[in-house]
Amino acid sequence: MEVDERGNKVSAEDANRTVKVSGVAARQGLLGRPVLMVLIGGLVLAGLAWAGAELFGESTDNDAATQVEEIAPAKEGIPADQGTGGNTPATGEQMQPAPVDKDPTPQTGSSG
């Protein structure tokens, strides 16, 4: 008597027996329509979760509630440096380069 992988005793007659099984019967699970339905259902649920997160995010977003203040264009008689807001030069003037806070020339590693 022989022992199989589970420890059960197997007779010599059973050990030498050949079992023929079809490819469909040997599979662990069936393919086809049920698997497709599970995959489609998962995609639908993922889409619903995404849509819910988008709606929740938009409802808690406060950018839409922020009031935007529009600046009227400069009127004649106002100096160019007033009312332009920010670094934008007045019409017809060139923009000045930004100041550099360090030497733009490359430095060497040795100090002579």
C-alpha atoms as a PDB file:
ATOM      1  CA  MET A   1       0.000   0.000   0.000  1.00  0.00           C
ATOM      2  CA  GLU A   2       1.095   3.480  -0.888  1.00  0.00           C
ATOM      3  CA  VAL A   3       0.252   6.786   0.815  1.00  0.00           C
ATOM      4  CA  ASP A   4      -0.929   9.799  -1.190  1.00  0.00           C
ATOM      5  CA  GLU A   5      -0.071  13.462  -0.502  1.00  0.00           C
ATOM      6  CA  ARG A   6      -2.822  13.734   2.123  1.00  0.00           C
ATOM      7  CA  GLY A   7      -1.675  10.683   4.040  1.00  0.00           C
ATOM      8  CA  ASN A   8      -4.466   8.395   2.847  1.00  0.00           C
ATOM      9  CA  LYS A   9      -3.670   4.826   2.004  1.00  0.00           C
ATOM     10  CA  VAL A  10      -3.943   4.035  -1.710  1.00  0.00           C
ATOM     11  CA  SER A  11      -3.972   0.570  -3.152  1.00  0.00           C
ATOM     12  CA  ALA A  12      -1.615  -0.288  -6.002  1.00  0.00           C
ATOM     13  CA  GLU A  13      -4.608  -0.687  -8.279  1.00  0.00           C
ATOM     14  CA  ASP A  14      -5.799   2.903  -7.617  1.00  0.00           C
ATOM     15  CA  ALA A  15      -2.290   4.331  -7.936  1.00  0.00           C
ATOM     16  CA  ASN A  16      -1.837   2.965 -11.469  1.00  0.00           C
ATOM     17  CA  ARG A  17      -5.296   3.976 -12.708  1.00  0.00           C
ATOM     18  CA  THR A  18      -5.423   6.738 -15.365  1.00  0.00           C
ATOM     19  CA  VAL A  19      -8.294   9.179 -15.154  1.00  0.00           C
ATOM     20  CA  LYS A  20      -9.362  11.024 -18.272  1.00  0.00           C
ATOM     21  CA  VAL A  21     -10.971  14.402 -17.620  1.00  0.00           C
ATOM     22  CA  SER A  22     -12.126  16.886 -20.244  1.00  0.00           C
ATOM     23  CA  GLY A  23     -10.724  20.406 -20.292  1.00  0.00           C
ATOM     24  CA  VAL A  24     -14.067  21.897 -19.241  1.00  0.00           C
ATOM     25  CA  ALA A  25     -14.431  19.565 -16.259  1.00  0.00           C
ATOM     26  CA  ALA A  26     -10.843  20.184 -15.142  1.00  0.00           C
ATOM     27  CA  ARG A  27     -11.336  23.969 -14.848  1.00  0.00           C
ATOM     28  CA  GLN A  28     -11.846  25.424 -11.410  1.00  0.00           C
ATOM     29  CA  GLY A  29     -14.504  27.845 -12.599  1.00  0.00           C
ATOM     30  CA  LEU A  30     -16.600  28.539 -15.630  1.00  0.00           C
ATOM     31  CA  LEU A  31     -15.796  31.348 -17.996  1.00  0.00           C
ATOM     32  CA  GLY A  32     -18.189  33.360 -20.053  1.00  0.00           C
ATOM     33  CA  ARG A  33     -21.345  35.193 -19.131  1.00  0.00           C
ATOM     34  CA  PRO A  34     -21.192  35.083 -15.273  1.00  0.00           C
ATOM     35  CA  VAL A  35     -17.622  36.406 -15.243  1.00  0.00           C
ATOM     36  CA  LEU A  36     -18.554  39.156 -17.693  1.00  0.00           C
ATOM     37  CA  MET A  37     -21.495  40.204 -15.503  1.00  0.00           C
ATOM     38  CA  VAL A  38     -19.237  40.442 -12.439  1.00  0.00           C
ATOM     39  CA  LEU A  39     -16.740  42.579 -14.342  1.00  0.00           C
ATOM     40  CA  ILE A  40     -19.432  44.889 -15.704  1.00  0.00           C
ATOM     41  CA  GLY A  41     -21.021  45.161 -12.262  1.00  0.00           C
ATOM     42  CA  GLY A  42     -17.658  46.107 -10.760  1.00  0.00           C
ATOM     43  CA  LEU A  43     -17.128  48.808 -13.365  1.00  0.00           C
ATOM     44  CA  VAL A  44     -20.611  50.227 -12.757  1.00  0.00           C
ATOM     45  CA  LEU A  45     -20.028  50.320  -8.995  1.00  0.00           C
ATOM     46  CA  ALA A  46     -16.645  51.995  -9.482  1.00  0.00           C
ATOM     47  CA  GLY A  47     -18.261  54.605 -11.740  1.00  0.00           C
ATOM     48  CA  LEU A  48     -20.983  55.293  -9.164  1.00  0.00           C
ATOM     49  CA  ALA A  49     -18.378  55.685  -6.414  1.00  0.00           C
ATOM     50  CA  TRP A  50     -16.385  58.086  -8.587  1.00  0.00           C
ATOM     51  CA  ALA A  51     -19.485  60.147  -9.430  1.00  0.00           C
ATOM     52  CA  GLY A  52     -20.396  60.305  -5.749  1.00  0.00           C
ATOM     53  CA  ALA A  53     -16.916  61.529  -4.839  1.00  0.00           C
ATOM     54  CA  GLU A  54     -17.069  64.177  -7.593  1.00  0.00           C
ATOM     55  CA  LEU A  55     -20.453  65.449  -6.415  1.00  0.00           C
ATOM     56  CA  PHE A  56     -19.329  65.525  -2.783  1.00  0.00           C
ATOM     57  CA  GLY A  57     -16.129  67.349  -3.718  1.00  0.00           C
ATOM     58  CA  GLU A  58     -18.004  69.957  -5.743  1.00  0.00           C
ATOM     59  CA  SER A  59     -20.549  70.503  -2.968  1.00  0.00           C
ATOM     60  CA  THR A  60     -17.804  71.187  -0.410  1.00  0.00           C
ATOM     61  CA  ASP A  61     -15.730  73.365  -2.759  1.00  0.00           C
ATOM     62  CA  ASN A  62     -15.963  77.028  -1.716  1.00  0.00           C
ATOM     63  CA  ASP A  63     -14.334  78.577  -4.815  1.00  0.00           C
ATOM     64  CA  ALA A  64     -17.745  79.320  -6.311  1.00  0.00           C
ATOM     65  CA  ALA A  65     -18.776  81.245  -3.173  1.00  0.00           C
ATOM     66  CA  THR A  66     -15.739  83.534  -3.353  1.00  0.00           C
ATOM     67  CA  GLN A  67     -16.625  86.932  -4.726  1.00  0.00           C
ATOM     68  CA  VAL A  68     -14.429  88.169  -7.541  1.00  0.00           C
ATOM     69  CA  GLU A  69     -13.649  91.871  -7.519  1.00  0.00           C
ATOM     70  CA  GLU A  70     -13.179  93.317 -10.977  1.00  0.00           C
ATOM     71  CA  ILE A  71     -10.745  96.182 -11.432  1.00  0.00           C
ATOM     72  CA  ALA A  72     -11.858  98.945 -13.772  1.00  0.00           C
ATOM     73  CA  PRO A  73      -9.367 100.020 -16.462  1.00  0.00           C
ATOM     74  CA  ALA A  74      -7.173 103.012 -15.633  1.00  0.00           C
ATOM     75  CA  LYS A  75      -8.680 106.353 -16.503  1.00  0.00           C
ATOM     76  CA  GLU A  76      -6.874 109.235 -18.113  1.00  0.00           C
ATOM     77  CA  GLY A  77      -5.232 111.574 -15.627  1.00  0.00           C
ATOM     78  CA  ILE A  78      -4.132 108.774 -13.269  1.00  0.00           C
ATOM     79  CA  PRO A  79      -0.353 108.212 -13.194  1.00  0.00           C
ATOM     80  CA  ALA A  80       0.855 104.999 -14.852  1.00  0.00           C
ATOM     81  CA  ASP A  81       2.232 103.529 -11.609  1.00  0.00           C
ATOM     82  CA  GLN A  82      -1.124 103.714  -9.830  1.00  0.00           C
ATOM     83  CA  GLY A  83      -4.031 101.392 -10.421  1.00  0.00           C
ATOM     84  CA  THR A  84      -2.199  98.921 -12.649  1.00  0.00           C
ATOM     85  CA  GLY A  85      -2.158  96.212  -9.963  1.00  0.00           C
ATOM     86  CA  GLY A  86       0.831  93.901  -9.773  1.00  0.00           C
ATOM     87  CA  ASN A  87       3.912  93.963 -11.984  1.00  0.00           C
ATOM     88  CA  THR A  88       2.160  94.769 -15.250  1.00  0.00           C
ATOM     89  CA  PRO A  89       3.687  97.855 -16.895  1.00  0.00           C
ATOM     90  CA  ALA A  90       1.453 100.628 -18.189  1.00  0.00           C
ATOM     91  CA  THR A  91       0.504 100.615 -21.842  1.00  0.00           C
ATOM     92  CA  GLY A  92       3.457 101.538 -24.056  1.00  0.00           C
ATOM     93  CA  GLU A  93       6.130 100.951 -21.377  1.00  0.00           C
ATOM     94  CA  GLN A  94       8.648  98.110 -21.332  1.00  0.00           C
ATOM     95  CA  MET A  95       8.802  95.660 -18.468  1.00  0.00           C
ATOM     96  CA  GLN A  96      11.877  96.015 -16.238  1.00  0.00           C
ATOM     97  CA  PRO A  97      13.934  92.884 -15.531  1.00  0.00           C
ATOM     98  CA  ALA A  98      13.606  91.415 -12.056  1.00  0.00           C
ATOM     99  CA  PRO A  99      16.539  92.106  -9.686  1.00  0.00           C
ATOM    100  CA  VAL A 100      18.963  89.212  -9.209  1.00  0.00           C
ATOM    101  CA  ASP A 101      19.906  88.445  -5.616  1.00  0.00           C
ATOM    102  CA  LYS A 102      23.126  86.574  -6.446  1.00  0.00           C
ATOM    103  CA  ASP A 103      26.003  86.849  -8.885  1.00  0.00           C
ATOM    104  CA  PRO A 104      24.989  85.214 -12.205  1.00  0.00           C
ATOM    105  CA  THR A 105      28.597  84.324 -13.094  1.00  0.00           C
ATOM    106  CA  PRO A 106      29.708  80.767 -12.288  1.00  0.00           C
ATOM    107  CA  GLN A 107      31.876  80.331  -9.219  1.00  0.00           C
ATOM    108  CA  THR A 108      34.991  78.180  -9.067  1.00  0.00           C
ATOM    109  CA  GLY A 109      35.563  75.560  -6.393  1.00  0.00           C
ATOM    110  CA  SER A 110      39.082  76.708  -5.452  1.00  0.00           C
ATOM    111  CA  SER A 111      39.948  79.965  -3.746  1.00  0.00           C
ATOM    112  CA  GLY A 112      43.363  80.920  -5.051  1.00  0.00           C
END
